[in-house]
All heavy atoms as atom14 arrays in JSON, in Angstrom:
{
  "sequence": "KAAREDLGLEQQQVGELIGVGRGALRNIEIGAFSRVTPTVRAYAR",
  "atom14_mask": [
    [1, 1, 1, 1, 1, 1, 1, 1, 1, 0, 0, 0, 0, 0],
    [1, 1, 1, 1, 1, 0, 0, 0, 0, 0, 0, 0, 0, 0],
    [1, 1, 1, 1, 1, 0, 0, 0, 0, 0, 0, 0, 0, 0],
    [1, 1, 1, 1, 1, 1, 1, 1, 1, 1, 1, 0, 0, 0],
    [1, 1, 1, 1, 1, 1, 1, 1, 1, 0, 0, 0, 0, 0],
    [1, 1, 1, 1, 1, 1, 1, 1, 0, 0, 0, 0, 0, 0],
    [1, 1, 1, 1, 1, 1, 1, 1, 0, 0, 0, 0, 0, 0],
    [1, 1, 1, 1, 0, 0, 0, 0, 0, 0, 0, 0, 0, 0],
    [1, 1, 1, 1, 1, 1, 1, 1, 0, 0, 0, 0, 0, 0],
    [1, 1, 1, 1, 1, 1, 1, 1, 1, 0, 0, 0, 0, 0],
    [1, 1, 1, 1, 1, 1, 1, 1, 1, 0, 0, 0, 0, 0],
    [1, 1, 1, 1, 1, 1, 1, 1, 1, 0, 0, 0, 0, 0],
    [1, 1, 1, 1, 1, 1, 1, 1, 1, 0, 0, 0, 0, 0],
    [1, 1, 1, 1, 1, 1, 1, 0, 0, 0, 0, 0, 0, 0],
    [1, 1, 1, 1, 0, 0, 0, 0, 0, 0, 0, 0, 0, 0],
    [1, 1, 1, 1, 1, 1, 1, 1, 1, 0, 0, 0, 0, 0],
    [1, 1, 1, 1, 1, 1, 1, 1, 0, 0, 0, 0, 0, 0],
    [1, 1, 1, 1, 1, 1, 1, 1, 0, 0, 0, 0, 0, 0],
    [1, 1, 1, 1, 0, 0, 0, 0, 0, 0, 0, 0, 0, 0],
    [1, 1, 1, 1, 1, 1, 1, 0, 0, 0, 0, 0, 0, 0],
    [1, 1, 1, 1, 0, 0, 0, 0, 0, 0, 0, 0, 0, 0],
    [1, 1, 1, 1, 1, 1, 1, 1, 1, 1, 1, 0, 0, 0],
    [1, 1, 1, 1, 0, 0, 0, 0, 0, 0, 0, 0, 0, 0],
    [1, 1, 1, 1, 1, 0, 0, 0, 0, 0, 0, 0, 0, 0],
    [1, 1, 1, 1, 1, 1, 1, 1, 0, 0, 0, 0, 0, 0],
    [1, 1, 1, 1, 1, 1, 1, 1, 1, 1, 1, 0, 0, 0],
    [1, 1, 1, 1, 1, 1, 1, 1, 0, 0, 0, 0, 0, 0],
    [1, 1, 1, 1, 1, 1, 1, 1, 0, 0, 0, 0, 0, 0],
    [1, 1, 1, 1, 1, 1, 1, 1, 1, 0, 0, 0, 0, 0],
    [1, 1, 1, 1, 1, 1, 1, 1, 0, 0, 0, 0, 0, 0],
    [1, 1, 1, 1, 0, 0, 0, 0, 0, 0, 0, 0, 0, 0],
    [1, 1, 1, 1, 1, 0, 0, 0, 0, 0, 0, 0, 0, 0],
    [1, 1, 1, 1, 1, 1, 1, 1, 1, 1, 1, 0, 0, 0],
    [1, 1, 1, 1, 1, 1, 0, 0, 0, 0, 0, 0, 0, 0],
    [1, 1, 1, 1, 1, 1, 1, 1, 1, 1, 1, 0, 0, 0],
    [1, 1, 1, 1, 1, 1, 1, 0, 0, 0, 0, 0, 0, 0],
    [1, 1, 1, 1, 1, 1, 1, 0, 0, 0, 0, 0, 0, 0],
    [1, 1, 1, 1, 1, 1, 1, 0, 0, 0, 0, 0, 0, 0],
    [1, 1, 1, 1, 1, 1, 1, 0, 0, 0, 0, 0, 0, 0],
    [1, 1, 1, 1, 1, 1, 1, 0, 0, 0, 0, 0, 0, 0],
    [1, 1, 1, 1, 1, 1, 1, 1, 1, 1, 1, 0, 0, 0],
    [1, 1, 1, 1, 1, 0, 0, 0, 0, 0, 0, 0, 0, 0],
    [1, 1, 1, 1, 1, 1, 1, 1, 1, 1, 1, 1, 0, 0],
    [1, 1, 1, 1, 1, 0, 0, 0, 0, 0, 0, 0, 0, 0],
    [1, 1, 1, 1, 1, 1, 1, 1, 1, 1, 1, 0, 0, 0]
  ],
  "atom14_positions": [
    [[1.07, 7.15, -14.2], [0.3, 7.87, -15.21], [0.96, 9.21, -15.44], [1.15, 9.64, -16.62], [-1.13, 8.02, -14.76], [-1.98, 8.8, -15.74], [-3.42, 8.92, -15.27], [-4.27, 9.73, -16.33], [-5.63, 9.9, -15.87], [0.0, 0.0, 0.0], [0.0, 0.0, 0.0], [0.0, 0.0, 0.0], [0.0, 0.0, 0.0], [0.0, 0.0, 0.0]],
    [[1.25, 9.97, -14.42], [1.85, 11.32, -14.58], [3.19, 11.18, -15.31], [3.53, 12.01, -16.18], [2.04, 11.97, -13.22], [0.0, 0.0, 0.0], [0.0, 0.0, 0.0], [0.0, 0.0, 0.0], [0.0, 0.0, 0.0], [0.0, 0.0, 0.0], [0.0, 0.0, 0.0], [0.0, 0.0, 0.0], [0.0, 0.0, 0.0], [0.0, 0.0, 0.0]],
    [[3.99, 10.17, -14.96], [5.3, 9.99, -15.67], [5.07, 9.68, -17.13], [5.84, 10.2, -18.01], [6.07, 8.91, -14.94], [0.0, 0.0, 0.0], [0.0, 0.0, 0.0], [0.0, 0.0, 0.0], [0.0, 0.0, 0.0], [0.0, 0.0, 0.0], [0.0, 0.0, 0.0], [0.0, 0.0, 0.0], [0.0, 0.0, 0.0], [0.0, 0.0, 0.0]],
    [[4.07, 8.82, -17.42], [3.78, 8.48, -18.8], [3.37, 9.71, -19.63], [3.86, 9.97, -20.71], [2.64, 7.46, -18.84], [2.12, 7.14, -20.25], [0.95, 6.16, -20.28], [-0.26, 6.61, -19.54], [-1.12, 7.49, -19.94], [-0.96, 8.13, -21.09], [-2.22, 7.76, -19.21], [0.0, 0.0, 0.0], [0.0, 0.0, 0.0], [0.0, 0.0, 0.0]],
    [[2.51, 10.5, -19.0], [2.01, 11.72, -19.66], [3.15, 12.75, -19.84], [3.18, 13.45, -20.85], [0.87, 12.36, -18.87], [-0.4, 11.49, -19.0], [-1.52, 11.99, -18.12], [-1.31, 12.76, -17.18], [-2.71, 11.51, -18.36], [0.0, 0.0, 0.0], [0.0, 0.0, 0.0], [0.0, 0.0, 0.0], [0.0, 0.0, 0.0], [0.0, 0.0, 0.0]],
    [[4.1, 12.8, -18.86], [5.22, 13.71, -19.0], [6.1, 13.34, -20.2], [6.72, 14.19, -20.81], [6.09, 13.69, -17.71], [5.44, 14.46, -16.56], [4.46, 15.21, -16.81], [5.9, 14.3, -15.42], [0.0, 0.0, 0.0], [0.0, 0.0, 0.0], [0.0, 0.0, 0.0], [0.0, 0.0, 0.0], [0.0, 0.0, 0.0], [0.0, 0.0, 0.0]],
    [[6.16, 12.04, -20.53], [6.87, 11.6, -21.71], [6.1, 11.76, -22.97], [6.61, 11.51, -24.06], [7.28, 10.15, -21.54], [8.43, 9.8, -20.53], [8.57, 8.33, -20.36], [9.69, 10.45, -20.96], [0.0, 0.0, 0.0], [0.0, 0.0, 0.0], [0.0, 0.0, 0.0], [0.0, 0.0, 0.0], [0.0, 0.0, 0.0], [0.0, 0.0, 0.0]],
    [[4.82, 12.18, -22.87], [4.01, 12.3, -24.05], [3.5, 10.98, -24.59], [3.23, 10.88, -25.77], [0.0, 0.0, 0.0], [0.0, 0.0, 0.0], [0.0, 0.0, 0.0], [0.0, 0.0, 0.0], [0.0, 0.0, 0.0], [0.0, 0.0, 0.0], [0.0, 0.0, 0.0], [0.0, 0.0, 0.0], [0.0, 0.0, 0.0], [0.0, 0.0, 0.0]],
    [[3.46, 9.96, -23.73], [3.07, 8.61, -24.23], [1.6, 8.37, -23.94], [1.12, 8.75, -22.86], [3.92, 7.53, -23.54], [5.43, 7.52, -23.87], [6.14, 6.55, -22.96], [5.6, 7.18, -25.31], [0.0, 0.0, 0.0], [0.0, 0.0, 0.0], [0.0, 0.0, 0.0], [0.0, 0.0, 0.0], [0.0, 0.0, 0.0], [0.0, 0.0, 0.0]],
    [[0.9, 7.7, -24.82], [-0.46, 7.25, -24.57], [-0.41, 5.88, -23.93], [0.55, 5.15, -24.09], [-1.21, 7.21, -25.95], [-1.31, 8.51, -26.64], [-2.23, 9.52, -25.92], [-3.16, 9.09, -25.28], [-1.92, 10.71, -26.03], [0.0, 0.0, 0.0], [0.0, 0.0, 0.0], [0.0, 0.0, 0.0], [0.0, 0.0, 0.0], [0.0, 0.0, 0.0]],
    [[-1.52, 5.5, -23.3], [-1.66, 4.15, -22.73], [-1.36, 3.07, -23.76], [-0.63, 2.12, -23.47], [-3.02, 3.94, -22.13], [-3.2, 4.55, -20.77], [-4.65, 4.25, -20.25], [-5.56, 3.95, -20.96], [-4.73, 4.3, -18.94], [0.0, 0.0, 0.0], [0.0, 0.0, 0.0], [0.0, 0.0, 0.0], [0.0, 0.0, 0.0], [0.0, 0.0, 0.0]],
    [[-1.91, 3.22, -24.95], [-1.67, 2.25, -25.98], [-0.24, 2.06, -26.35], [0.23, 0.95, -26.55], [-2.5, 2.57, -27.26], [-2.34, 1.59, -28.35], [-3.23, 1.96, -29.56], [-4.13, 2.78, -29.45], [-2.91, 1.38, -30.65], [0.0, 0.0, 0.0], [0.0, 0.0, 0.0], [0.0, 0.0, 0.0], [0.0, 0.0, 0.0], [0.0, 0.0, 0.0]],
    [[0.48, 3.17, -26.35], [1.96, 3.09, -26.71], [2.71, 2.36, -25.61], [3.53, 1.51, -25.96], [2.46, 4.53, -26.89], [1.92, 5.25, -28.16], [2.26, 6.68, -28.13], [2.07, 7.4, -27.15], [2.73, 7.17, -29.27], [0.0, 0.0, 0.0], [0.0, 0.0, 0.0], [0.0, 0.0, 0.0], [0.0, 0.0, 0.0], [0.0, 0.0, 0.0]],
    [[2.42, 2.7, -24.4], [3.11, 2.0, -23.29], [2.71, 0.51, -23.32], [3.6, -0.36, -23.15], [2.78, 2.6, -21.94], [3.38, 1.78, -20.79], [3.38, 4.02, -21.83], [0.0, 0.0, 0.0], [0.0, 0.0, 0.0], [0.0, 0.0, 0.0], [0.0, 0.0, 0.0], [0.0, 0.0, 0.0], [0.0, 0.0, 0.0], [0.0, 0.0, 0.0]],
    [[1.45, 0.23, -23.55], [1.05, -1.19, -23.63], [1.76, -1.95, -24.72], [2.2, -3.1, -24.48], [0.0, 0.0, 0.0], [0.0, 0.0, 0.0], [0.0, 0.0, 0.0], [0.0, 0.0, 0.0], [0.0, 0.0, 0.0], [0.0, 0.0, 0.0], [0.0, 0.0, 0.0], [0.0, 0.0, 0.0], [0.0, 0.0, 0.0], [0.0, 0.0, 0.0]],
    [[1.93, -1.33, -25.86], [2.75, -1.97, -26.96], [4.15, -2.22, -26.57], [4.75, -3.25, -26.83], [2.63, -1.16, -28.21], [1.27, -1.17, -28.83], [1.15, -0.17, -30.0], [2.14, 0.46, -30.39], [0.01, -0.02, -30.57], [0.0, 0.0, 0.0], [0.0, 0.0, 0.0], [0.0, 0.0, 0.0], [0.0, 0.0, 0.0], [0.0, 0.0, 0.0]],
    [[4.73, -1.26, -25.84], [6.16, -1.39, -25.41], [6.32, -2.52, -24.43], [7.35, -3.2, -24.47], [6.61, -0.05, -24.81], [6.87, 1.07, -25.75], [7.01, 2.38, -25.01], [8.08, 0.78, -26.63], [0.0, 0.0, 0.0], [0.0, 0.0, 0.0], [0.0, 0.0, 0.0], [0.0, 0.0, 0.0], [0.0, 0.0, 0.0], [0.0, 0.0, 0.0]],
    [[5.37, -2.71, -23.53], [5.61, -3.78, -22.51], [4.73, -4.98, -22.74], [4.78, -5.93, -21.9], [5.36, -3.15, -21.1], [3.91, -2.71, -20.84], [6.35, -2.07, -20.81], [3.59, -2.23, -19.42], [0.0, 0.0, 0.0], [0.0, 0.0, 0.0], [0.0, 0.0, 0.0], [0.0, 0.0, 0.0], [0.0, 0.0, 0.0], [0.0, 0.0, 0.0]],
    [[3.95, -5.02, -23.78], [3.21, -6.17, -24.15], [1.91, -6.41, -23.39], [1.56, -7.61, -23.14], [0.0, 0.0, 0.0], [0.0, 0.0, 0.0], [0.0, 0.0, 0.0], [0.0, 0.0, 0.0], [0.0, 0.0, 0.0], [0.0, 0.0, 0.0], [0.0, 0.0, 0.0], [0.0, 0.0, 0.0], [0.0, 0.0, 0.0], [0.0, 0.0, 0.0]],
    [[1.2, -5.4, -23.02], [-0.12, -5.58, -22.36], [-1.15, -4.66, -23.03], [-0.75, -3.71, -23.74], [-0.04, -5.27, -20.85], [0.87, -6.26, -20.14], [0.37, -3.88, -20.55], [0.0, 0.0, 0.0], [0.0, 0.0, 0.0], [0.0, 0.0, 0.0], [0.0, 0.0, 0.0], [0.0, 0.0, 0.0], [0.0, 0.0, 0.0], [0.0, 0.0, 0.0]],
    [[-2.38, -4.87, -22.72], [-3.45, -4.07, -23.28], [-3.71, -2.81, -22.44], [-3.24, -2.69, -21.31], [0.0, 0.0, 0.0], [0.0, 0.0, 0.0], [0.0, 0.0, 0.0], [0.0, 0.0, 0.0], [0.0, 0.0, 0.0], [0.0, 0.0, 0.0], [0.0, 0.0, 0.0], [0.0, 0.0, 0.0], [0.0, 0.0, 0.0], [0.0, 0.0, 0.0]],
    [[-4.52, -1.9, -23.02], [-4.84, -0.64, -22.31], [-5.59, -0.91, -21.03], [-5.44, -0.17, -20.05], [-5.67, 0.23, -23.23], [-4.85, 0.9, -24.35], [-5.66, 1.83, -25.19], [-6.21, 2.91, -24.38], [-7.39, 3.48, -24.6], [-8.11, 3.11, -25.64], [-7.84, 4.46, -23.82], [0.0, 0.0, 0.0], [0.0, 0.0, 0.0], [0.0, 0.0, 0.0]],
    [[-6.38, -1.99, -21.01], [-7.16, -2.31, -19.8], [-6.22, -2.59, -18.58], [-6.48, -2.1, -17.46], [0.0, 0.0, 0.0], [0.0, 0.0, 0.0], [0.0, 0.0, 0.0], [0.0, 0.0, 0.0], [0.0, 0.0, 0.0], [0.0, 0.0, 0.0], [0.0, 0.0, 0.0], [0.0, 0.0, 0.0], [0.0, 0.0, 0.0], [0.0, 0.0, 0.0]],
    [[-5.11, -3.3, -18.82], [-4.19, -3.56, -17.78], [-3.51, -2.28, -17.27], [-3.33, -2.08, -16.09], [-3.15, -4.55, -18.25], [0.0, 0.0, 0.0], [0.0, 0.0, 0.0], [0.0, 0.0, 0.0], [0.0, 0.0, 0.0], [0.0, 0.0, 0.0], [0.0, 0.0, 0.0], [0.0, 0.0, 0.0], [0.0, 0.0, 0.0], [0.0, 0.0, 0.0]],
    [[-3.18, -1.41, -18.22], [-2.59, -0.14, -17.83], [-3.57, 0.71, -17.1], [-3.23, 1.4, -16.11], [-2.04, 0.62, -19.08], [-0.85, -0.07, -19.73], [-0.4, 0.74, -20.92], [0.35, -0.16, -18.71], [0.0, 0.0, 0.0], [0.0, 0.0, 0.0], [0.0, 0.0, 0.0], [0.0, 0.0, 0.0], [0.0, 0.0, 0.0], [0.0, 0.0, 0.0]],
    [[-4.83, 0.74, -17.52], [-5.84, 1.53, -16.81], [-5.96, 1.03, -15.37], [-5.99, 1.84, -14.43], [-7.19, 1.36, -17.54], [-8.29, 2.13, -16.91], [-9.67, 1.79, -17.51], [-10.73, 2.17, -16.7], [-11.14, 1.64, -15.55], [-10.56, 0.54, -15.11], [-12.17, 2.1, -14.87], [0.0, 0.0, 0.0], [0.0, 0.0, 0.0], [0.0, 0.0, 0.0]],
    [[-5.99, -0.31, -15.17], [-6.07, -0.77, -13.86], [-4.86, -0.39, -12.95], [-5.09, -0.09, -11.78], [-6.19, -2.33, -13.88], [-7.55, -2.8, -14.35], [-8.52, -2.07, -14.32], [-7.68, -4.04, -14.83], [0.0, 0.0, 0.0], [0.0, 0.0, 0.0], [0.0, 0.0, 0.0], [0.0, 0.0, 0.0], [0.0, 0.0, 0.0], [0.0, 0.0, 0.0]],
    [[-3.71, -0.38, -13.54], [-2.56, 0.1, -12.79], [-2.73, 1.54, -12.49], [-2.48, 1.93, -11.33], [-1.25, -0.23, -13.62], [-0.96, -1.68, -13.71], [-0.07, 0.55, -12.97], [0.15, -2.07, -14.71], [0.0, 0.0, 0.0], [0.0, 0.0, 0.0], [0.0, 0.0, 0.0], [0.0, 0.0, 0.0], [0.0, 0.0, 0.0], [0.0, 0.0, 0.0]],
    [[-3.11, 2.34, -13.42], [-3.14, 3.79, -13.18], [-4.21, 4.21, -12.2], [-4.08, 5.26, -11.58], [-3.36, 4.51, -14.53], [-2.08, 4.42, -15.4], [-2.21, 5.17, -16.72], [-3.38, 5.66, -17.06], [-1.2, 5.25, -17.44], [0.0, 0.0, 0.0], [0.0, 0.0, 0.0], [0.0, 0.0, 0.0], [0.0, 0.0, 0.0], [0.0, 0.0, 0.0]],
    [[-5.28, 3.41, -11.98], [-6.3, 3.74, -11.04], [-6.01, 3.01, -9.72], [-6.83, 3.18, -8.77], [-7.72, 3.45, -11.55], [-7.97, 1.99, -11.8], [-8.05, 4.31, -12.81], [-9.42, 1.66, -12.13], [0.0, 0.0, 0.0], [0.0, 0.0, 0.0], [0.0, 0.0, 0.0], [0.0, 0.0, 0.0], [0.0, 0.0, 0.0], [0.0, 0.0, 0.0]],
    [[-5.02, 2.22, -9.62], [-4.65, 1.54, -8.43], [-5.47, 0.28, -8.14], [-5.62, -0.14, -6.97], [0.0, 0.0, 0.0], [0.0, 0.0, 0.0], [0.0, 0.0, 0.0], [0.0, 0.0, 0.0], [0.0, 0.0, 0.0], [0.0, 0.0, 0.0], [0.0, 0.0, 0.0], [0.0, 0.0, 0.0], [0.0, 0.0, 0.0], [0.0, 0.0, 0.0]],
    [[-6.04, -0.3, -9.18], [-6.85, -1.49, -9.02], [-6.0, -2.77, -9.12], [-6.24, -3.67, -9.96], [-7.93, -1.55, -10.1], [0.0, 0.0, 0.0], [0.0, 0.0, 0.0], [0.0, 0.0, 0.0], [0.0, 0.0, 0.0], [0.0, 0.0, 0.0], [0.0, 0.0, 0.0], [0.0, 0.0, 0.0], [0.0, 0.0, 0.0], [0.0, 0.0, 0.0]],
    [[-4.98, -2.82, -8.27], [-4.1, -3.99, -8.13], [-3.56, -4.0, -6.75], [-3.63, -3.0, -6.04], [-2.99, -4.01, -9.22], [-2.07, -2.8, -9.12], [-0.77, -2.96, -8.64], [-2.48, -1.55, -9.5], [0.05, -1.89, -8.55], [-1.64, -0.47, -9.43], [-0.32, -0.62, -8.95], [0.0, 0.0, 0.0], [0.0, 0.0, 0.0], [0.0, 0.0, 0.0]],
    [[-3.05, -5.13, -6.31], [-2.64, -5.21, -4.91], [-1.28, -5.92, -4.75], [-0.9, -6.31, -3.63], [-3.69, -5.91, -4.06], [-3.88, -7.2, -4.52], [0.0, 0.0, 0.0], [0.0, 0.0, 0.0], [0.0, 0.0, 0.0], [0.0, 0.0, 0.0], [0.0, 0.0, 0.0], [0.0, 0.0, 0.0], [0.0, 0.0, 0.0], [0.0, 0.0, 0.0]],
    [[-0.53, -6.1, -5.87], [0.8, -6.64, -5.74], [1.62, -6.18, -6.89], [1.13, -5.81, -7.95], [0.81, -8.16, -5.65], [0.34, -8.85, -6.87], [0.27, -10.41, -6.7], [-0.22, -11.03, -7.91], [0.53, -11.47, -8.89], [1.81, -11.34, -8.78], [-0.02, -12.03, -9.95], [0.0, 0.0, 0.0], [0.0, 0.0, 0.0], [0.0, 0.0, 0.0]],
    [[2.9, -6.12, -6.67], [3.81, -5.62, -7.69], [4.13, -6.79, -8.63], [4.62, -7.8, -8.19], [5.14, -5.1, -7.07], [6.1, -4.68, -8.2], [4.85, -3.97, -6.16], [0.0, 0.0, 0.0], [0.0, 0.0, 0.0], [0.0, 0.0, 0.0], [0.0, 0.0, 0.0], [0.0, 0.0, 0.0], [0.0, 0.0, 0.0], [0.0, 0.0, 0.0]],
    [[3.75, -6.59, -9.87], [3.9, -7.66, -10.9], [5.04, -7.26, -11.82], [5.43, -6.06, -11.84], [2.61, -7.82, -11.69], [2.36, -6.65, -12.42], [1.43, -8.16, -10.79], [0.0, 0.0, 0.0], [0.0, 0.0, 0.0], [0.0, 0.0, 0.0], [0.0, 0.0, 0.0], [0.0, 0.0, 0.0], [0.0, 0.0, 0.0], [0.0, 0.0, 0.0]],
    [[5.46, -8.17, -12.68], [6.47, -7.81, -13.71], [5.91, -6.68, -14.63], [6.69, -5.87, -15.11], [6.7, -9.11, -14.48], [6.44, -10.16, -13.48], [5.31, -9.62, -12.63], [0.0, 0.0, 0.0], [0.0, 0.0, 0.0], [0.0, 0.0, 0.0], [0.0, 0.0, 0.0], [0.0, 0.0, 0.0], [0.0, 0.0, 0.0], [0.0, 0.0, 0.0]],
    [[4.64, -6.66, -14.85], [4.04, -5.62, -15.71], [4.19, -4.25, -15.05], [4.51, -3.28, -15.74], [2.55, -5.94, -15.97], [2.41, -7.16, -16.66], [1.87, -4.81, -16.78], [0.0, 0.0, 0.0], [0.0, 0.0, 0.0], [0.0, 0.0, 0.0], [0.0, 0.0, 0.0], [0.0, 0.0, 0.0], [0.0, 0.0, 0.0], [0.0, 0.0, 0.0]],
    [[3.96, -4.16, -13.76], [4.1, -2.86, -13.06], [5.59, -2.44, -13.14], [5.86, -1.27, -13.36], [3.65, -3.01, -11.58], [3.97, -1.77, -10.8], [2.14, -3.31, -11.51], [0.0, 0.0, 0.0], [0.0, 0.0, 0.0], [0.0, 0.0, 0.0], [0.0, 0.0, 0.0], [0.0, 0.0, 0.0], [0.0, 0.0, 0.0], [0.0, 0.0, 0.0]],
    [[6.48, -3.37, -12.93], [7.92, -3.0, -12.99], [8.3, -2.6, -14.42], [9.09, -1.64, -14.62], [8.77, -4.14, -12.51], [8.57, -4.4, -11.05], [9.85, -4.78, -10.29], [9.6, -5.21, -8.91], [9.61, -4.39, -7.9], [9.82, -3.14, -8.08], [9.35, -4.84, -6.69], [0.0, 0.0, 0.0], [0.0, 0.0, 0.0], [0.0, 0.0, 0.0]],
    [[7.76, -3.25, -15.45], [8.06, -2.87, -16.82], [7.52, -1.5, -17.14], [8.17, -0.71, -17.81], [7.46, -3.93, -17.77], [0.0, 0.0, 0.0], [0.0, 0.0, 0.0], [0.0, 0.0, 0.0], [0.0, 0.0, 0.0], [0.0, 0.0, 0.0], [0.0, 0.0, 0.0], [0.0, 0.0, 0.0], [0.0, 0.0, 0.0], [0.0, 0.0, 0.0]],
    [[6.32, -1.19, -16.61], [5.74, 0.12, -16.81], [6.7, 1.17, -16.2], [7.03, 2.17, -16.83], [4.38, 0.15, -16.11], [3.53, 1.38, -16.43], [2.17, 1.35, -16.17], [4.06, 2.55, -16.88], [1.34, 2.44, -16.43], [3.25, 3.67, -17.16], [1.9, 3.61, -16.93], [1.11, 4.71, -17.15], [0.0, 0.0, 0.0], [0.0, 0.0, 0.0]],
    [[7.2, 0.89, -14.96], [8.03, 1.84, -14.3], [9.32, 2.06, -15.1], [9.78, 3.2, -15.25], [8.37, 1.36, -12.91], [0.0, 0.0, 0.0], [0.0, 0.0, 0.0], [0.0, 0.0, 0.0], [0.0, 0.0, 0.0], [0.0, 0.0, 0.0], [0.0, 0.0, 0.0], [0.0, 0.0, 0.0], [0.0, 0.0, 0.0], [0.0, 0.0, 0.0]],
    [[9.95, 0.97, -15.61], [11.17, 1.13, -16.39], [10.88, 1.91, -17.69], [11.7, 2.7, -18.14], [11.69, -0.25, -16.73], [12.45, -0.93, -15.64], [13.22, -2.21, -16.04], [12.35, -3.18, -16.64], [11.67, -4.1, -15.99], [11.71, -4.16, -14.65], [10.95, -5.02, -16.59], [0.0, 0.0, 0.0], [0.0, 0.0, 0.0], [0.0, 0.0, 0.0]]
  ]
}
């Protein structure tokens, strides 16, 4: 989340870039997941 904000990106923009909704990004940003998925890696990239 901090890295996203440093780039000036909104959740919706990152979601569009990696093909997921804001809810999925919200869950990642609050730590509501327990395995590294392709979505998490795409967010990091």
